[in-house]
PDB file of N, CA and C in Angstrom:
ATOM      1  N   MET A   1     116.900 151.799 130.728  1.00  0.00           N
ATOM      2  CA  MET A   1     116.487 152.578 131.861  1.00  0.00           C
ATOM      3  C   MET A   1     116.843 154.038 131.638  1.00  0.00           C
ATOM      4  N   GLY A   2     117.982 154.526 131.582  1.00  0.00           N
ATOM      5  CA  GLY A   2     118.290 155.939 131.433  1.00  0.00           C
ATOM      6  C   GLY A   2     118.882 156.516 132.693  1.00  0.00           C
ATOM      7  N   ASN A   3     119.118 157.813 132.651  1.00  0.00           N
ATOM      8  CA  ASN A   3     119.732 158.493 133.790  1.00  0.00           C
ATOM      9  C   ASN A   3     118.739 158.639 134.933  1.00  0.00           C
ATOM     10  N   VAL A   4     119.235 158.379 136.133  1.00  0.00           N
ATOM     11  CA  VAL A   4     118.438 158.500 137.353  1.00  0.00           C
ATOM     12  C   VAL A   4     119.279 159.236 138.388  1.00  0.00           C
ATOM     13  N   ILE A   5     118.648 160.173 139.088  1.00  0.00           N
ATOM     14  CA  ILE A   5     119.316 160.877 140.182  1.00  0.00           C
ATOM     15  C   ILE A   5     118.690 160.404 141.484  1.00  0.00           C
ATOM     16  N   ILE A   6     119.523 159.946 142.393  1.00  0.00           N
ATOM     17  CA  ILE A   6     119.053 159.404 143.671  1.00  0.00           C
ATOM     18  C   ILE A   6     119.607 160.264 144.797  1.00  0.00           C
ATOM     19  N   LYS A   7     118.720 160.737 145.656  1.00  0.00           N
ATOM     20  CA  LYS A   7     119.166 161.473 146.840  1.00  0.00           C
ATOM     21  C   LYS A   7     119.427 160.460 147.946  1.00  0.00           C
ATOM     22  N   LEU A   8     120.620 160.517 148.518  1.00  0.00           N
ATOM     23  CA  LEU A   8     120.955 159.617 149.618  1.00  0.00           C
ATOM     24  C   LEU A   8     120.332 160.134 150.913  1.00  0.00           C
ATOM     25  N   ASN A   9     119.958 159.220 151.781  1.00  0.00           N
ATOM     26  CA  ASN A   9     119.397 159.615 153.071  1.00  0.00           C
ATOM     27  C   ASN A   9     120.430 160.304 153.948  1.00  0.00           C
ATOM     28  N   ASP A  10     121.666 159.865 153.867  1.00  0.00           N
ATOM     29  CA  ASP A  10     122.751 160.452 154.659  1.00  0.00           C
ATOM     30  C   ASP A  10     123.921 160.770 153.741  1.00  0.00           C
ATOM     31  N   SER A  11     124.397 162.002 153.826  1.00  0.00           N
ATOM     32  CA  SER A  11     125.556 162.408 153.043  1.00  0.00           C
ATOM     33  C   SER A  11     126.829 162.086 153.818  1.00  0.00           C
ATOM     34  N   ASP A  12     127.900 161.811 153.089  1.00  0.00           N
ATOM     35  CA  ASP A  12     129.195 161.553 153.724  1.00  0.00           C
ATOM     36  C   ASP A  12     129.982 162.845 153.974  1.00  0.00           C
ATOM     37  N   VAL A  13     129.387 163.990 153.627  1.00  0.00           N
ATOM     38  CA  VAL A  13     130.007 165.289 153.867  1.00  0.00           C
ATOM     39  C   VAL A  13     129.077 166.109 154.750  1.00  0.00           C
ATOM     40  N   LYS A  14     129.639 166.663 155.809  1.00  0.00           N
ATOM     41  CA  LYS A  14     128.861 167.427 156.784  1.00  0.00           C
ATOM     42  C   LYS A  14     128.118 168.601 156.131  1.00  0.00           C
ATOM     43  N   ASN A  15     126.913 168.849 156.601  1.00  0.00           N
ATOM     44  CA  ASN A  15     126.085 169.973 156.156  1.00  0.00           C
ATOM     45  C   ASN A  15     125.817 169.969 154.655  1.00  0.00           C
ATOM     46  N   SER A  16     125.512 168.794 154.117  1.00  0.00           N
ATOM     47  CA  SER A  16     125.225 168.694 152.693  1.00  0.00           C
ATOM     48  C   SER A  16     124.207 167.588 152.431  1.00  0.00           C
ATOM     49  N   SER A  17     123.637 167.663 151.239  1.00  0.00           N
ATOM     50  CA  SER A  17     122.814 166.571 150.708  1.00  0.00           C
ATOM     51  C   SER A  17     123.584 165.997 149.530  1.00  0.00           C
ATOM     52  N   LYS A  18     123.573 164.680 149.397  1.00  0.00           N
ATOM     53  CA  LYS A  18     124.321 164.042 148.312  1.00  0.00           C
ATOM     54  C   LYS A  18     123.361 163.380 147.340  1.00  0.00           C
ATOM     55  N   TYR A  19     123.650 163.570 146.052  1.00  0.00           N
ATOM     56  CA  TYR A  19     122.857 162.995 144.972  1.00  0.00           C
ATOM     57  C   TYR A  19     123.777 162.174 144.081  1.00  0.00           C
ATOM     58  N   ILE A  20     123.317 160.993 143.712  1.00  0.00           N
ATOM     59  CA  ILE A  20     124.087 160.086 142.862  1.00  0.00           C
ATOM     60  C   ILE A  20     123.440 160.048 141.481  1.00  0.00           C
ATOM     61  N   LEU A  21     124.245 160.142 140.431  1.00  0.00           N
ATOM     62  CA  LEU A  21     123.764 159.977 139.059  1.00  0.00           C
ATOM     63  C   LEU A  21     124.091 158.565 138.612  1.00  0.00           C
ATOM     64  N   LYS A  22     123.039 157.833 138.246  1.00  0.00           N
ATOM     65  CA  LYS A  22     123.216 156.458 137.775  1.00  0.00           C
ATOM     66  C   LYS A  22     122.571 156.291 136.409  1.00  0.00           C
ATOM     67  N   ASN A  23     123.106 155.340 135.655  1.00  0.00           N
ATOM     68  CA  ASN A  23     122.521 154.917 134.391  1.00  0.00           C
ATOM     69  C   ASN A  23     122.654 153.409 134.342  1.00  0.00           C
ATOM     70  N   ASN A  24     121.512 152.725 134.287  1.00  0.00           N
ATOM     71  CA  ASN A  24     121.509 151.257 134.291  1.00  0.00           C
ATOM     72  C   ASN A  24     122.314 150.697 135.457  1.00  0.00           C
ATOM     73  N   ASP A  25     122.085 151.228 136.639  1.00  0.00           N
ATOM     74  CA  ASP A  25     122.739 150.809 137.881  1.00  0.00           C
ATOM     75  C   ASP A  25     124.244 151.058 137.937  1.00  0.00           C
ATOM     76  N   ILE A  26     124.773 151.821 136.976  1.00  0.00           N
ATOM     77  CA  ILE A  26     126.186 152.189 136.998  1.00  0.00           C
ATOM     78  C   ILE A  26     126.274 153.624 137.520  1.00  0.00           C
ATOM     79  N   GLU A  27     127.076 153.835 138.563  1.00  0.00           N
ATOM     80  CA  GLU A  27     127.257 155.181 139.085  1.00  0.00           C
ATOM     81  C   GLU A  27     128.168 155.961 138.146  1.00  0.00           C
ATOM     82  N   LEU A  28     127.618 157.059 137.615  1.00  0.00           N
ATOM     83  CA  LEU A  28     128.371 157.904 136.696  1.00  0.00           C
ATOM     84  C   LEU A  28     129.071 159.048 137.423  1.00  0.00           C
ATOM     85  N   GLY A  29     128.451 159.494 138.516  1.00  0.00           N
ATOM     86  CA  GLY A  29     128.998 160.608 139.266  1.00  0.00           C
ATOM     87  C   GLY A  29     128.090 160.956 140.422  1.00  0.00           C
ATOM     88  N   TYR A  30     128.387 162.092 141.048  1.00  0.00           N
ATOM     89  CA  TYR A  30     127.590 162.506 142.193  1.00  0.00           C
ATOM     90  C   TYR A  30     127.673 164.019 142.361  1.00  0.00           C
ATOM     91  N   SER A  31     126.803 164.534 143.193  1.00  0.00           N
ATOM     92  CA  SER A  31     126.783 165.964 143.465  1.00  0.00           C
ATOM     93  C   SER A  31     126.416 166.198 144.913  1.00  0.00           C
ATOM     94  N   TYR A  32     126.902 167.300 145.446  1.00  0.00           N
ATOM     95  CA  TYR A  32     126.528 167.747 146.783  1.00  0.00           C
ATOM     96  C   TYR A  32     125.848 169.101 146.666  1.00  0.00           C
ATOM     97  N   ILE A  33     124.847 169.306 147.492  1.00  0.00           N
ATOM     98  CA  ILE A  33     124.296 170.634 147.728  1.00  0.00           C
ATOM     99  C   ILE A  33     124.620 170.947 149.173  1.00  0.00           C
ATOM    100  N   PHE A  34     125.394 172.003 149.378  1.00  0.00           N
ATOM    101  CA  PHE A  34     125.819 172.375 150.719  1.00  0.00           C
ATOM    102  C   PHE A  34     124.811 173.326 151.352  1.00  0.00           C
ATOM    103  N   ASP A  35     124.459 173.050 152.586  1.00  0.00           N
ATOM    104  CA  ASP A  35     123.521 173.878 153.331  1.00  0.00           C
ATOM    105  C   ASP A  35     124.191 175.190 153.708  1.00  0.00           C
ATOM    106  N   SER A  36     123.547 176.260 153.432  1.00  0.00           N
ATOM    107  CA  SER A  36     123.917 177.609 153.881  1.00  0.00           C
ATOM    108  C   SER A  36     125.336 178.055 153.515  1.00  0.00           C
ATOM    109  N   ALA A  37     125.897 177.550 152.458  1.00  0.00           N
ATOM    110  CA  ALA A  37     127.190 178.047 151.996  1.00  0.00           C
ATOM    111  C   ALA A  37     126.952 179.320 151.188  1.00  0.00           C
ATOM    112  N   PRO A  38     127.719 180.385 151.441  1.00  0.00           N
ATOM    113  CA  PRO A  38     127.480 181.637 150.709  1.00  0.00           C
ATOM    114  C   PRO A  38     127.853 181.546 149.225  1.00  0.00           C
ATOM    115  N   ASN A  39     128.865 180.759 148.902  1.00  0.00           N
ATOM    116  CA  ASN A  39     129.317 180.556 147.520  1.00  0.00           C
ATOM    117  C   ASN A  39     129.638 179.082 147.317  1.00  0.00           C
ATOM    118  N   ASN A  40     129.627 178.683 146.077  1.00  0.00           N
ATOM    119  CA  ASN A  40     130.020 177.317 145.713  1.00  0.00           C
ATOM    120  C   ASN A  40     129.233 176.266 146.497  1.00  0.00           C
ATOM    121  N   ASN A  41     127.923 176.430 146.586  1.00  0.00           N
ATOM    122  CA  ASN A  41     127.151 175.461 147.364  1.00  0.00           C
ATOM    123  C   ASN A  41     126.684 174.278 146.534  1.00  0.00           C
ATOM    124  N   ILE A  42     127.246 174.140 145.338  1.00  0.00           N
ATOM    125  CA  ILE A  42     127.019 172.949 144.520  1.00  0.00           C
ATOM    126  C   ILE A  42     128.383 172.388 144.138  1.00  0.00           C
ATOM    127  N   TYR A  43     128.517 171.085 144.267  1.00  0.00           N
ATOM    128  CA  TYR A  43     129.720 170.404 143.810  1.00  0.00           C
ATOM    129  C   TYR A  43     129.272 169.257 142.916  1.00  0.00           C
ATOM    130  N   VAL A  44     129.852 169.140 141.732  1.00  0.00           N
ATOM    131  CA  VAL A  44     129.508 168.072 140.792  1.00  0.00           C
ATOM    132  C   VAL A  44     130.783 167.323 140.435  1.00  0.00           C
ATOM    133  N   PHE A  45     130.707 165.993 140.470  1.00  0.00           N
ATOM    134  CA  PHE A  45     131.846 165.151 140.097  1.00  0.00           C
ATOM    135  C   PHE A  45     131.350 164.032 139.188  1.00  0.00           C
ATOM    136  N   ILE A  46     132.004 163.871 138.062  1.00  0.00           N
ATOM    137  CA  ILE A  46     131.731 162.749 137.154  1.00  0.00           C
ATOM    138  C   ILE A  46     132.980 161.879 137.144  1.00  0.00           C
ATOM    139  N   HIS A  47     132.795 160.584 137.320  1.00  0.00           N
ATOM    140  CA  HIS A  47     133.935 159.664 137.316  1.00  0.00           C
ATOM    141  C   HIS A  47     134.681 159.786 135.988  1.00  0.00           C
ATOM    142  N   PRO A  48     136.013 159.771 136.031  1.00  0.00           N
ATOM    143  CA  PRO A  48     136.816 160.027 134.825  1.00  0.00           C
ATOM    144  C   PRO A  48     136.429 159.191 133.606  1.00  0.00           C
ATOM    145  N   GLU A  49     136.077 157.961 133.807  1.00  0.00           N
ATOM    146  CA  GLU A  49     135.746 157.101 132.664  1.00  0.00           C
ATOM    147  C   GLU A  49     134.409 157.455 132.004  1.00  0.00           C
ATOM    148  N   HIS A  50     133.639 158.338 132.636  1.00  0.00           N
ATOM    149  CA  HIS A  50     132.343 158.738 132.076  1.00  0.00           C
ATOM    150  C   HIS A  50     132.316 160.202 131.643  1.00  0.00           C
ATOM    151  N   ARG A  51     133.456 160.862 131.667  1.00  0.00           N
ATOM    152  CA  ARG A  51     133.512 162.277 131.287  1.00  0.00           C
ATOM    153  C   ARG A  51     133.432 162.435 129.772  1.00  0.00           C
ATOM    154  N   SER A  52     133.119 163.657 129.359  1.00  0.00           N
ATOM    155  CA  SER A  52     133.003 164.051 127.942  1.00  0.00           C
ATOM    156  C   SER A  52     131.829 163.374 127.246  1.00  0.00           C
ATOM    157  N   ASN A  53     130.819 163.011 128.028  1.00  0.00           N
ATOM    158  CA  ASN A  53     129.598 162.428 127.473  1.00  0.00           C
ATOM    159  C   ASN A  53     128.360 163.250 127.822  1.00  0.00           C
ATOM    160  N   GLY A  54     128.562 164.430 128.394  1.00  0.00           N
ATOM    161  CA  GLY A  54     127.447 165.299 128.746  1.00  0.00           C
ATOM    162  C   GLY A  54     126.845 165.036 130.109  1.00  0.00           C
ATOM    163  N   TYR A  55     127.395 164.093 130.861  1.00  0.00           N
ATOM    164  CA  TYR A  55     126.826 163.764 132.172  1.00  0.00           C
ATOM    165  C   TYR A  55     126.998 164.895 133.184  1.00  0.00           C
ATOM    166  N   GLY A  56     128.121 165.607 133.115  1.00  0.00           N
ATOM    167  CA  GLY A  56     128.333 166.717 134.028  1.00  0.00           C
ATOM    168  C   GLY A  56     127.301 167.815 133.832  1.00  0.00           C
ATOM    169  N   SER A  57     127.043 168.157 132.583  1.00  0.00           N
ATOM    170  CA  SER A  57     126.021 169.172 132.282  1.00  0.00           C
ATOM    171  C   SER A  57     124.643 168.693 132.696  1.00  0.00           C
ATOM    172  N   TYR A  58     124.368 167.420 132.455  1.00  0.00           N
ATOM    173  CA  TYR A  58     123.069 166.858 132.835  1.00  0.00           C
ATOM    174  C   TYR A  58     122.876 166.929 134.354  1.00  0.00           C
ATOM    175  N   LEU A  59     123.879 166.472 135.092  1.00  0.00           N
ATOM    176  CA  LEU A  59     123.771 166.467 136.549  1.00  0.00           C
ATOM    177  C   LEU A  59     123.682 167.893 137.087  1.00  0.00           C
ATOM    178  N   PHE A  60     124.474 168.800 136.548  1.00  0.00           N
ATOM    179  CA  PHE A  60     124.427 170.193 136.982  1.00  0.00           C
ATOM    180  C   PHE A  60     123.029 170.772 136.751  1.00  0.00           C
ATOM    181  N   ALA A  61     122.444 170.515 135.584  1.00  0.00           N
ATOM    182  CA  ALA A  61     121.100 171.019 135.279  1.00  0.00           C
ATOM    183  C   ALA A  61     120.071 170.469 136.256  1.00  0.00           C
ATOM    184  N   GLU A  62     120.179 169.194 136.591  1.00  0.00           N
ATOM    185  CA  GLU A  62     119.222 168.589 137.525  1.00  0.00           C
ATOM    186  C   GLU A  62     119.395 169.150 138.938  1.00  0.00           C
ATOM    187  N   ILE A  63     120.623 169.383 139.330  1.00  0.00           N
ATOM    188  CA  ILE A  63     120.877 169.966 140.654  1.00  0.00           C
ATOM    189  C   ILE A  63     120.345 171.401 140.709  1.00  0.00           C
ATOM    190  N   LEU A  64     120.473 172.137 139.610  1.00  0.00           N
ATOM    191  CA  LEU A  64     119.903 173.491 139.562  1.00  0.00           C
ATOM    192  C   LEU A  64     118.386 173.442 139.745  1.00  0.00           C
ATOM    193  N   LYS A  65     117.742 172.459 139.137  1.00  0.00           N
ATOM    194  CA  LYS A  65     116.287 172.309 139.320  1.00  0.00           C
ATOM    195  C   LYS A  65     115.946 172.044 140.785  1.00  0.00           C
ATOM    196  N   ILE A  66     116.742 171.216 141.423  1.00  0.00           N
ATOM    197  CA  ILE A  66     116.515 170.919 142.846  1.00  0.00           C
ATOM    198  C   ILE A  66     116.715 172.186 143.669  1.00  0.00           C
ATOM    199  N   MET A  67     117.786 172.919 143.382  1.00  0.00           N
ATOM    200  CA  MET A  67     118.048 174.166 144.115  1.00  0.00           C
ATOM    201  C   MET A  67     116.878 175.138 143.954  1.00  0.00           C
ATOM    202  N   LYS A  68     116.367 175.240 142.746  1.00  0.00           N
ATOM    203  CA  LYS A  68     115.234 176.139 142.489  1.00  0.00           C
ATOM    204  C   LYS A  68     114.002 175.687 143.265  1.00  0.00           C
ATOM    205  N   SER A  69     113.761 174.374 143.293  1.00  0.00           N
ATOM    206  CA  SER A  69     112.602 173.852 144.031  1.00  0.00           C
ATOM    207  C   SER A  69     112.736 174.077 145.534  1.00  0.00           C
ATOM    208  N   LEU A  70     113.966 174.233 146.012  1.00  0.00           N
ATOM    209  CA  LEU A  70     114.220 174.505 147.426  1.00  0.00           C
ATOM    210  C   LEU A  70     114.135 175.997 147.750  1.00  0.00           C
ATOM    211  N   GLY A  71     113.871 176.804 146.731  1.00  0.00           N
ATOM    212  CA  GLY A  71     113.685 178.229 146.954  1.00  0.00           C
ATOM    213  C   GLY A  71     114.863 179.113 146.584  1.00  0.00           C
ATOM    214  N   SER A  72     115.930 178.536 146.071  1.00  0.00           N
ATOM    215  CA  SER A  72     117.074 179.358 145.662  1.00  0.00           C
ATOM    216  C   SER A  72     116.722 180.140 144.404  1.00  0.00           C
ATOM    217  N   LYS A  73     117.160 181.383 144.366  1.00  0.00           N
ATOM    218  CA  LYS A  73     116.924 182.227 143.201  1.00  0.00           C
ATOM    219  C   LYS A  73     118.229 182.594 142.496  1.00  0.00           C
ATOM    220  N   VAL A  74     119.322 182.610 143.262  1.00  0.00           N
ATOM    221  CA  VAL A  74     120.633 182.983 142.747  1.00  0.00           C
ATOM    222  C   VAL A  74     121.680 182.103 143.419  1.00  0.00           C
ATOM    223  N   ILE A  75     122.668 181.689 142.648  1.00  0.00           N
ATOM    224  CA  ILE A  75     123.791 180.929 143.197  1.00  0.00           C
ATOM    225  C   ILE A  75     125.067 181.650 142.799  1.00  0.00           C
ATOM    226  N   LYS A  76     125.969 181.809 143.754  1.00  0.00           N
ATOM    227  CA  LYS A  76     127.255 182.469 143.496  1.00  0.00           C
ATOM    228  C   LYS A  76     128.365 181.428 143.498  1.00  0.00           C
ATOM    229  N   PHE A  77     129.323 181.631 142.607  1.00  0.00           N
ATOM    230  CA  PHE A  77     130.451 180.719 142.492  1.00  0.00           C
ATOM    231  C   PHE A  77     131.752 181.502 142.444  1.00  0.00           C
ATOM    232  N   ASP A  78     132.761 181.010 143.113  1.00  0.00           N
ATOM    233  CA  ASP A  78     134.132 181.480 142.998  1.00  0.00           C
ATOM    234  C   ASP A  78     134.939 180.282 142.512  1.00  0.00           C
ATOM    235  N   ILE A  79     135.304 180.297 141.245  1.00  0.00           N
ATOM    236  CA  ILE A  79     135.949 179.145 140.609  1.00  0.00           C
ATOM    237  C   ILE A  79     137.372 179.528 140.214  1.00  0.00           C
ATOM    238  N   GLU A  80     138.330 178.665 140.505  1.00  0.00           N
ATOM    239  CA  GLU A  80     139.709 178.916 140.064  1.00  0.00           C
ATOM    240  C   GLU A  80     139.708 179.089 138.552  1.00  0.00           C
ATOM    241  N   LYS A  81     140.437 180.080 138.078  1.00  0.00           N
ATOM    242  CA  LYS A  81     140.466 180.344 136.639  1.00  0.00           C
ATOM    243  C   LYS A  81     141.012 179.155 135.856  1.00  0.00           C
ATOM    244  N   THR A  82     141.852 178.354 136.500  1.00  0.00           N
ATOM    245  CA  THR A  82     142.430 177.192 135.816  1.00  0.00           C
ATOM    246  C   THR A  82     141.436 176.039 135.674  1.00  0.00           C
ATOM    247  N   ASP A  83     140.290 176.099 136.368  1.00  0.00           N
ATOM    248  CA  ASP A  83     139.277 175.050 136.265  1.00  0.00           C
ATOM    249  C   ASP A  83     138.384 175.350 135.062  1.00  0.00           C
ATOM    250  N   VAL A  84     138.911 175.037 133.891  1.00  0.00           N
ATOM    251  CA  VAL A  84     138.248 175.370 132.633  1.00  0.00           C
ATOM    252  C   VAL A  84     136.876 174.698 132.525  1.00  0.00           C
ATOM    253  N   CYS A  85     136.775 173.447 132.935  1.00  0.00           N
ATOM    254  CA  CYS A  85     135.492 172.727 132.829  1.00  0.00           C
ATOM    255  C   CYS A  85     134.392 173.433 133.631  1.00  0.00           C
ATOM    256  N   ALA A  86     134.679 173.774 134.873  1.00  0.00           N
ATOM    257  CA  ALA A  86     133.670 174.423 135.720  1.00  0.00           C
ATOM    258  C   ALA A  86     133.290 175.784 135.161  1.00  0.00           C
ATOM    259  N   ASN A  87     134.273 176.555 134.711  1.00  0.00           N
ATOM    260  CA  ASN A  87     133.980 177.863 134.143  1.00  0.00           C
ATOM    261  C   ASN A  87     133.166 177.738 132.856  1.00  0.00           C
ATOM    262  N   ASN A  88     133.477 176.743 132.031  1.00  0.00           N
ATOM    263  CA  ASN A  88     132.720 176.532 130.797  1.00  0.00           C
ATOM    264  C   ASN A  88     131.273 176.138 131.083  1.00  0.00           C
ATOM    265  N   ILE A  89     131.060 175.320 132.120  1.00  0.00           N
ATOM    266  CA  ILE A  89     129.687 174.928 132.464  1.00  0.00           C
ATOM    267  C   ILE A  89     128.891 176.136 132.929  1.00  0.00           C
ATOM    268  N   LEU A  90     129.493 176.987 133.735  1.00  0.00           N
ATOM    269  CA  LEU A  90     128.775 178.187 134.185  1.00  0.00           C
ATOM    270  C   LEU A  90     128.438 179.096 133.012  1.00  0.00           C
ATOM    271  N   ALA A  91     129.337 179.235 132.064  1.00  0.00           N
ATOM    272  CA  ALA A  91     129.055 180.033 130.872  1.00  0.00           C
ATOM    273  C   ALA A  91     127.938 179.387 130.054  1.00  0.00           C
ATOM    274  N   LYS A  92     127.983 178.069 129.925  1.00  0.00           N
ATOM    275  CA  LYS A  92     126.958 177.337 129.158  1.00  0.00           C
ATOM    276  C   LYS A  92     125.566 177.527 129.757  1.00  0.00           C
ATOM    277  N   PHE A  93     125.487 177.639 131.074  1.00  0.00           N
ATOM    278  CA  PHE A  93     124.207 177.796 131.753  1.00  0.00           C
ATOM    279  C   PHE A  93     123.861 179.274 131.989  1.00  0.00           C
ATOM    280  N   ASN A  94     124.448 180.145 131.176  1.00  0.00           N
ATOM    281  CA  ASN A  94     124.163 181.578 131.204  1.00  0.00           C
ATOM    282  C   ASN A  94     124.534 182.249 132.520  1.00  0.00           C
ATOM    283  N   GLY A  95     125.593 181.766 133.142  1.00  0.00           N
ATOM    284  CA  GLY A  95     126.110 182.439 134.316  1.00  0.00           C
ATOM    285  C   GLY A  95     126.681 183.794 133.908  1.00  0.00           C
ATOM    286  N   LEU A  96     126.650 184.713 134.813  1.00  0.00           N
ATOM    287  CA  LEU A  96     127.186 186.045 134.566  1.00  0.00           C
ATOM    288  C   LEU A  96     128.525 186.157 135.285  1.00  0.00           C
ATOM    289  N   LEU A  97     129.580 186.396 134.525  1.00  0.00           N
ATOM    290  CA  LEU A  97     130.916 186.565 135.101  1.00  0.00           C
ATOM    291  C   LEU A  97     131.009 187.976 135.659  1.00  0.00           C
ATOM    292  N   LEU A  98     131.124 188.091 136.983  1.00  0.00           N
ATOM    293  CA  LEU A  98     131.142 189.391 137.647  1.00  0.00           C
ATOM    294  C   LEU A  98     132.521 190.025 137.643  1.00  0.00           C
ATOM    295  N   SER A  99     133.543 189.220 137.956  1.00  0.00           N
ATOM    296  CA  SER A  99     134.912 189.731 138.015  1.00  0.00           C
ATOM    297  C   SER A  99     135.874 188.563 138.021  1.00  0.00           C
ATOM    298  N   GLU A 100     137.156 188.900 137.846  1.00  0.00           N
ATOM    299  CA  GLU A 100     138.204 187.880 137.872  1.00  0.00           C
ATOM    300  C   GLU A 100     139.415 188.418 138.619  1.00  0.00           C
ATOM    301  N   ASP A 101     140.003 187.547 139.408  1.00  0.00           N
ATOM    302  CA  ASP A 101     141.326 187.748 139.975  1.00  0.00           C
ATOM    303  C   ASP A 101     141.976 186.389 139.816  1.00  0.00           C
ATOM    304  N   GLU A 102     142.441 185.736 140.876  1.00  0.00           N
ATOM    305  CA  GLU A 102     142.915 184.354 140.705  1.00  0.00           C
ATOM    306  C   GLU A 102     141.735 183.402 140.502  1.00  0.00           C
ATOM    307  N   ASN A 103     140.535 183.897 140.832  1.00  0.00           N
ATOM    308  CA  ASN A 103     139.290 183.152 140.633  1.00  0.00           C
ATOM    309  C   ASN A 103     138.390 183.905 139.666  1.00  0.00           C
ATOM    310  N   ALA A 104     137.488 183.158 139.076  1.00  0.00           N
ATOM    311  CA  ALA A 104     136.409 183.755 138.293  1.00  0.00           C
ATOM    312  C   ALA A 104     135.201 183.793 139.218  1.00  0.00           C
ATOM    313  N   HIS A 105     134.573 184.944 139.343  1.00  0.00           N
ATOM    314  CA  HIS A 105     133.438 185.145 140.245  1.00  0.00           C
ATOM    315  C   HIS A 105     132.166 185.221 139.410  1.00  0.00           C
ATOM    316  N   TRP A 106     131.296 184.224 139.602  1.00  0.00           N
ATOM    317  CA  TRP A 106     130.087 184.064 138.798  1.00  0.00           C
ATOM    318  C   TRP A 106     128.838 184.216 139.650  1.00  0.00           C
ATOM    319  N   ILE A 107     127.755 184.588 138.966  1.00  0.00           N
ATOM    320  CA  ILE A 107     126.423 184.537 139.568  1.00  0.00           C
ATOM    321  C   ILE A 107     125.525 183.849 138.542  1.00  0.00           C
ATOM    322  N   LEU A 108     124.691 182.964 139.046  1.00  0.00           N
ATOM    323  CA  LEU A 108     123.787 182.215 138.187  1.00  0.00           C
ATOM    324  C   LEU A 108     122.370 182.386 138.729  1.00  0.00           C
ATOM    325  N   LYS A 109     121.502 182.959 137.915  1.00  0.00           N
ATOM    326  CA  LYS A 109     120.110 183.148 138.327  1.00  0.00           C
ATOM    327  C   LYS A 109     119.312 181.917 137.936  1.00  0.00           C
ATOM    328  N   LEU A 110     118.450 181.493 138.854  1.00  0.00           N
ATOM    329  CA  LEU A 110     117.618 180.307 138.599  1.00  0.00           C
ATOM    330  C   LEU A 110     116.227 180.709 138.161  1.00  0.00           C
TER     331      LEU A 110
END
């Protein structure tokens, strides 16, 4: 079968849409798109046993496509500098690092 992204009818987090990443009926992770959040309106989580297999990058890329289809042109992120994985993903997807303090401030054009 392969990777499938399923949008849930109801999210368990207020003001968000939830998407599940599955492969052969196994849940690998999930993502939220938050409605009207000024920054960090995407959250991606891959279950620990499925990390380091490219699923996080795959899910992030698919969520970016959804965001673009919804009319988003730019996404802003404020990521803790210690969150190396999140910062590396933003760099991998050609995010522009605007500034740093205790957080790294990114902008990603879609």
